[in-house]
Structure formats: structure tokens, C-alpha cells
């Protein structure tokens, strides 16, 4: 399996509904890995998806 990789960019690739900045790190046909930055004082809530599974890893905060 091969996939492209990227360095963490200064500009986000997208904004999530909770206001998180999304930076895609790598992806395959079956999934992807992204870095999310939540603004100061903001709160994100976990939710369930019908067809997507997520794993969250917190670096700080």
C-alpha cells in the first residue's frame, strides 16, 4: 500500500463544524490521518457517524 505524505502546513485544508482547523497529513483509499487545532476557549464534542470511525489523540490542552 502506498500513500502520499505531507508536512504540517501553516494554512488549514478545511475548517470542521466545531471551528477546528483541519490539516490532512496522509490518506489512502480506505482512510486518512489529519491534524486538528481547536481555537483557544473552544470546546469540541464527540459524536457518532454512520460510516466513519475516528481515533482522537490529544497532544496538549
PDB file of N, CA and C in Angstrom:
ATOM      1  N   UNK A   1       0.856  -1.175   0.000  1.00  0.00           N
ATOM      2  CA  UNK A   1       0.000   0.000   0.000  1.00  0.00           C
ATOM      3  C   UNK A   1       0.897   1.232   0.000  1.00  0.00           C
ATOM      4  N   UNK A   2       0.571   2.189  -0.820  1.00  0.00           N
ATOM      5  CA  UNK A   2       1.338   3.425  -0.834  1.00  0.00           C
ATOM      6  C   UNK A   2       0.400   4.607  -0.622  1.00  0.00           C
ATOM      7  N   UNK A   3       0.941   5.658  -0.070  1.00  0.00           N
ATOM      8  CA  UNK A   3       0.174   6.879   0.148  1.00  0.00           C
ATOM      9  C   UNK A   3       1.125   8.056   0.179  1.00  0.00           C
ATOM     10  N   UNK A   4       0.595   9.201  -0.123  1.00  0.00           N
ATOM     11  CA  UNK A   4       1.391  10.429  -0.111  1.00  0.00           C
ATOM     12  C   UNK A   4       1.432  10.994   1.298  1.00  0.00           C
ATOM     13  N   UNK A   5       2.520  11.612   1.653  1.00  0.00           N
ATOM     14  CA  UNK A   5       2.629  12.276   2.947  1.00  0.00           C
ATOM     15  C   UNK A   5       2.894  13.756   2.735  1.00  0.00           C
ATOM     16  N   UNK A   6       2.611  14.531   3.766  1.00  0.00           N
ATOM     17  CA  UNK A   6       2.799  15.975   3.709  1.00  0.00           C
ATOM     18  C   UNK A   6       3.345  16.470   5.033  1.00  0.00           C
ATOM     19  N   UNK A   7       3.975  17.603   4.994  1.00  0.00           N
ATOM     20  CA  UNK A   7       4.357  18.292   6.228  1.00  0.00           C
ATOM     21  C   UNK A   7       3.146  19.069   6.715  1.00  0.00           C
ATOM     22  N   UNK A   8       3.101  19.319   8.007  1.00  0.00           N
ATOM     23  CA  UNK A   8       2.008  20.089   8.593  1.00  0.00           C
ATOM     24  C   UNK A   8       2.062  21.509   8.041  1.00  0.00           C
ATOM     25  N   UNK A   9       1.034  21.919   7.328  1.00  0.00           N
ATOM     26  CA  UNK A   9       1.009  23.228   6.698  1.00  0.00           C
ATOM     27  C   UNK A   9       0.651  24.353   7.655  1.00  0.00           C
ATOM     28  N   UNK A  10       0.957  25.561   7.280  1.00  0.00           N
ATOM     29  CA  UNK A  10       0.602  26.710   8.104  1.00  0.00           C
ATOM     30  C   UNK A  10      -0.863  27.091   7.920  1.00  0.00           C
ATOM     31  N   UNK A  11      -1.404  26.823   6.732  1.00  0.00           N
ATOM     32  CA  UNK A  11      -2.814  27.103   6.469  1.00  0.00           C
ATOM     33  C   UNK A  11      -3.613  25.808   6.516  1.00  0.00           C
ATOM     34  N   UNK A  12      -4.813  25.827   7.094  1.00  0.00           N
ATOM     35  CA  UNK A  12      -5.620  24.610   7.163  1.00  0.00           C
ATOM     36  C   UNK A  12      -6.155  24.203   5.788  1.00  0.00           C
ATOM     37  N   UNK A  13      -6.374  22.897   5.623  1.00  0.00           N
ATOM     38  CA  UNK A  13      -7.003  22.381   4.404  1.00  0.00           C
ATOM     39  C   UNK A  13      -8.510  22.590   4.447  1.00  0.00           C
ATOM     40  N   UNK A  14      -9.057  22.652   5.662  1.00  0.00           N
ATOM     41  CA  UNK A  14     -10.507  22.821   5.838  1.00  0.00           C
ATOM     42  C   UNK A  14     -10.780  23.284   7.250  1.00  0.00           C
ATOM     43  N   UNK A  15     -12.020  23.715   7.490  1.00  0.00           N
ATOM     44  CA  UNK A  15     -12.486  24.039   8.835  1.00  0.00           C
ATOM     45  C   UNK A  15     -13.591  23.050   9.190  1.00  0.00           C
ATOM     46  N   UNK A  16     -13.487  22.428  10.354  1.00  0.00           N
ATOM     47  CA  UNK A  16     -14.507  21.493  10.825  1.00  0.00           C
ATOM     48  C   UNK A  16     -15.699  22.279  11.373  1.00  0.00           C
ATOM     49  N   UNK A  17     -16.858  21.632  11.507  1.00  0.00           N
ATOM     50  CA  UNK A  17     -18.044  22.321  12.034  1.00  0.00           C
ATOM     51  C   UNK A  17     -17.844  22.944  13.424  1.00  0.00           C
ATOM     52  N   UNK A  18     -16.941  22.365  14.241  1.00  0.00           N
ATOM     53  CA  UNK A  18     -16.705  22.923  15.582  1.00  0.00           C
ATOM     54  C   UNK A  18     -15.688  24.058  15.567  1.00  0.00           C
ATOM     55  N   UNK A  19     -15.194  24.431  14.384  1.00  0.00           N
ATOM     56  CA  UNK A  19     -14.214  25.512  14.277  1.00  0.00           C
ATOM     57  C   UNK A  19     -12.779  25.040  14.235  1.00  0.00           C
ATOM     58  N   UNK A  20     -12.545  23.741  14.341  1.00  0.00           N
ATOM     59  CA  UNK A  20     -11.190  23.199  14.285  1.00  0.00           C
ATOM     60  C   UNK A  20     -10.583  23.412  12.911  1.00  0.00           C
ATOM     61  N   UNK A  21      -9.298  23.742  12.910  1.00  0.00           N
ATOM     62  CA  UNK A  21      -8.551  23.811  11.665  1.00  0.00           C
ATOM     63  C   UNK A  21      -8.080  22.400  11.333  1.00  0.00           C
ATOM     64  N   UNK A  22      -8.330  21.954  10.113  1.00  0.00           N
ATOM     65  CA  UNK A  22      -8.007  20.590   9.687  1.00  0.00           C
ATOM     66  C   UNK A  22      -6.831  20.631   8.712  1.00  0.00           C
ATOM     67  N   UNK A  23      -5.800  19.864   9.019  1.00  0.00           N
ATOM     68  CA  UNK A  23      -4.656  19.721   8.124  1.00  0.00           C
ATOM     69  C   UNK A  23      -4.471  18.235   7.835  1.00  0.00           C
ATOM     70  N   UNK A  24      -4.727  17.831   6.600  1.00  0.00           N
ATOM     71  CA  UNK A  24      -4.618  16.424   6.219  1.00  0.00           C
ATOM     72  C   UNK A  24      -3.145  16.055   6.114  1.00  0.00           C
ATOM     73  N   UNK A  25      -2.760  14.969   6.797  1.00  0.00           N
ATOM     74  CA  UNK A  25      -1.367  14.533   6.783  1.00  0.00           C
ATOM     75  C   UNK A  25      -1.112  13.464   5.735  1.00  0.00           C
ATOM     76  N   UNK A  26      -1.990  12.482   5.641  1.00  0.00           N
ATOM     77  CA  UNK A  26      -1.863  11.444   4.626  1.00  0.00           C
ATOM     78  C   UNK A  26      -3.218  10.785   4.434  1.00  0.00           C
ATOM     79  N   UNK A  27      -3.367  10.085   3.314  1.00  0.00           N
ATOM     80  CA  UNK A  27      -4.636   9.402   3.066  1.00  0.00           C
ATOM     81  C   UNK A  27      -4.430   8.204   2.159  1.00  0.00           C
ATOM     82  N   UNK A  28      -5.338   7.252   2.266  1.00  0.00           N
ATOM     83  CA  UNK A  28      -5.381   6.077   1.404  1.00  0.00           C
ATOM     84  C   UNK A  28      -6.809   5.963   0.890  1.00  0.00           C
ATOM     85  N   UNK A  29      -7.088   4.938   0.121  1.00  0.00           N
ATOM     86  CA  UNK A  29      -8.451   4.754  -0.381  1.00  0.00           C
ATOM     87  C   UNK A  29      -9.422   4.373   0.741  1.00  0.00           C
ATOM     88  N   UNK A  30      -8.898   3.922   1.899  1.00  0.00           N
ATOM     89  CA  UNK A  30      -9.761   3.466   2.992  1.00  0.00           C
ATOM     90  C   UNK A  30      -9.767   4.372   4.208  1.00  0.00           C
ATOM     91  N   UNK A  31      -8.941   5.394   4.221  1.00  0.00           N
ATOM     92  CA  UNK A  31      -8.919   6.272   5.390  1.00  0.00           C
ATOM     93  C   UNK A  31      -7.867   7.355   5.273  1.00  0.00           C
ATOM     94  N   UNK A  32      -7.800   8.178   6.306  1.00  0.00           N
ATOM     95  CA  UNK A  32      -6.831   9.271   6.298  1.00  0.00           C
ATOM     96  C   UNK A  32      -6.414   9.614   7.718  1.00  0.00           C
ATOM     97  N   UNK A  33      -5.382  10.424   7.823  1.00  0.00           N
ATOM     98  CA  UNK A  33      -4.880  10.906   9.098  1.00  0.00           C
ATOM     99  C   UNK A  33      -4.802  12.418   8.990  1.00  0.00           C
ATOM    100  N   UNK A  34      -5.349  13.108   9.969  1.00  0.00           N
ATOM    101  CA  UNK A  34      -5.355  14.570   9.928  1.00  0.00           C
ATOM    102  C   UNK A  34      -4.991  15.141  11.292  1.00  0.00           C
ATOM    103  N   UNK A  35      -4.495  16.349  11.278  1.00  0.00           N
ATOM    104  CA  UNK A  35      -4.134  17.103  12.484  1.00  0.00           C
ATOM    105  C   UNK A  35      -5.181  18.192  12.653  1.00  0.00           C
ATOM    106  N   UNK A  36      -5.748  18.291  13.845  1.00  0.00           N
ATOM    107  CA  UNK A  36      -6.787  19.291  14.117  1.00  0.00           C
ATOM    108  C   UNK A  36      -6.299  20.239  15.202  1.00  0.00           C
ATOM    109  N   UNK A  37      -6.552  21.519  15.030  1.00  0.00           N
ATOM    110  CA  UNK A  37      -6.223  22.525  16.037  1.00  0.00           C
ATOM    111  C   UNK A  37      -7.514  23.240  16.403  1.00  0.00           C
ATOM    112  N   UNK A  38      -7.867  23.195  17.678  1.00  0.00           N
ATOM    113  CA  UNK A  38      -9.080  23.848  18.159  1.00  0.00           C
ATOM    114  C   UNK A  38      -8.702  25.211  18.733  1.00  0.00           C
ATOM    115  N   UNK A  39      -9.429  26.272  18.381  1.00  0.00           N
ATOM    116  CA  UNK A  39      -9.101  27.607  18.904  1.00  0.00           C
ATOM    117  C   UNK A  39      -9.170  27.663  20.435  1.00  0.00           C
ATOM    118  N   UNK A  40      -8.460  28.624  21.021  1.00  0.00           N
ATOM    119  CA  UNK A  40      -8.489  28.815  22.473  1.00  0.00           C
ATOM    120  C   UNK A  40      -9.919  28.998  22.972  1.00  0.00           C
ATOM    121  N   UNK A  41     -10.210  28.433  24.118  1.00  0.00           N
ATOM    122  CA  UNK A  41     -11.507  28.515  24.789  1.00  0.00           C
ATOM    123  C   UNK A  41     -12.627  27.767  24.045  1.00  0.00           C
ATOM    124  N   UNK A  42     -12.317  27.114  22.936  1.00  0.00           N
ATOM    125  CA  UNK A  42     -13.334  26.370  22.181  1.00  0.00           C
ATOM    126  C   UNK A  42     -13.461  24.953  22.740  1.00  0.00           C
ATOM    127  N   UNK A  43     -14.610  24.356  22.537  1.00  0.00           N
ATOM    128  CA  UNK A  43     -14.887  23.005  23.021  1.00  0.00           C
ATOM    129  C   UNK A  43     -15.427  22.177  21.859  1.00  0.00           C
ATOM    130  N   UNK A  44     -14.934  20.967  21.741  1.00  0.00           N
ATOM    131  CA  UNK A  44     -15.428  20.049  20.717  1.00  0.00           C
ATOM    132  C   UNK A  44     -16.145  18.903  21.420  1.00  0.00           C
ATOM    133  N   UNK A  45     -17.203  18.407  20.811  1.00  0.00           N
ATOM    134  CA  UNK A  45     -17.954  17.296  21.391  1.00  0.00           C
ATOM    135  C   UNK A  45     -17.823  16.074  20.494  1.00  0.00           C
ATOM    136  N   UNK A  46     -17.589  14.924  21.100  1.00  0.00           N
ATOM    137  CA  UNK A  46     -17.531  13.676  20.342  1.00  0.00           C
ATOM    138  C   UNK A  46     -18.921  13.357  19.809  1.00  0.00           C
ATOM    139  N   UNK A  47     -18.959  12.761  18.627  1.00  0.00           N
ATOM    140  CA  UNK A  47     -20.230  12.379  18.043  1.00  0.00           C
ATOM    141  C   UNK A  47     -20.050  11.073  17.282  1.00  0.00           C
ATOM    142  N   UNK A  48     -21.131  10.426  16.938  1.00  0.00           N
ATOM    143  CA  UNK A  48     -21.052   9.178  16.191  1.00  0.00           C
ATOM    144  C   UNK A  48     -21.380   9.436  14.727  1.00  0.00           C
ATOM    145  N   UNK A  49     -20.782   8.638  13.883  1.00  0.00           N
ATOM    146  CA  UNK A  49     -21.011   8.711  12.444  1.00  0.00           C
ATOM    147  C   UNK A  49     -21.534   7.358  11.977  1.00  0.00           C
ATOM    148  N   UNK A  50     -22.313   7.341  10.924  1.00  0.00           N
ATOM    149  CA  UNK A  50     -22.837   6.083  10.393  1.00  0.00           C
ATOM    150  C   UNK A  50     -21.776   5.253   9.687  1.00  0.00           C
ATOM    151  N   UNK A  51     -20.857   5.912   8.998  1.00  0.00           N
ATOM    152  CA  UNK A  51     -19.909   5.162   8.171  1.00  0.00           C
ATOM    153  C   UNK A  51     -18.445   5.494   8.438  1.00  0.00           C
ATOM    154  N   UNK A  52     -18.168   6.250   9.487  1.00  0.00           N
ATOM    155  CA  UNK A  52     -16.799   6.680   9.766  1.00  0.00           C
ATOM    156  C   UNK A  52     -16.442   6.322  11.202  1.00  0.00           C
ATOM    157  N   UNK A  53     -15.213   5.843  11.401  1.00  0.00           N
ATOM    158  CA  UNK A  53     -14.693   5.626  12.751  1.00  0.00           C
ATOM    159  C   UNK A  53     -13.552   6.610  12.967  1.00  0.00           C
ATOM    160  N   UNK A  54     -13.453   7.163  14.182  1.00  0.00           N
ATOM    161  CA  UNK A  54     -12.409   8.135  14.490  1.00  0.00           C
ATOM    162  C   UNK A  54     -11.621   7.690  15.705  1.00  0.00           C
ATOM    163  N   UNK A  55     -10.358   8.040  15.712  1.00  0.00           N
ATOM    164  CA  UNK A  55      -9.493   7.866  16.871  1.00  0.00           C
ATOM    165  C   UNK A  55      -8.919   9.238  17.172  1.00  0.00           C
ATOM    166  N   UNK A  56      -9.059   9.698  18.410  1.00  0.00           N
ATOM    167  CA  UNK A  56      -8.541  11.010  18.802  1.00  0.00           C
ATOM    168  C   UNK A  56      -7.297  10.803  19.659  1.00  0.00           C
ATOM    169  N   UNK A  57      -6.270  11.569  19.396  1.00  0.00           N
ATOM    170  CA  UNK A  57      -5.034  11.565  20.173  1.00  0.00           C
ATOM    171  C   UNK A  57      -4.732  13.012  20.519  1.00  0.00           C
ATOM    172  N   UNK A  58      -4.702  13.327  21.806  1.00  0.00           N
ATOM    173  CA  UNK A  58      -4.510  14.713  22.243  1.00  0.00           C
ATOM    174  C   UNK A  58      -3.043  14.973  22.525  1.00  0.00           C
ATOM    175  N   UNK A  59      -2.519  16.032  21.931  1.00  0.00           N
ATOM    176  CA  UNK A  59      -1.128  16.411  22.125  1.00  0.00           C
ATOM    177  C   UNK A  59      -0.998  17.334  23.322  1.00  0.00           C
ATOM    178  N   UNK A  60      -1.968  18.240  23.495  1.00  0.00           N
ATOM    179  CA  UNK A  60      -1.981  19.137  24.648  1.00  0.00           C
ATOM    180  C   UNK A  60      -3.362  19.721  24.817  1.00  0.00           C
ATOM    181  N   UNK A  61      -3.571  20.347  25.969  1.00  0.00           N
ATOM    182  CA  UNK A  61      -4.838  21.042  26.196  1.00  0.00           C
ATOM    183  C   UNK A  61      -5.804  20.328  27.074  1.00  0.00           C
TER     184      UNK A  61
END
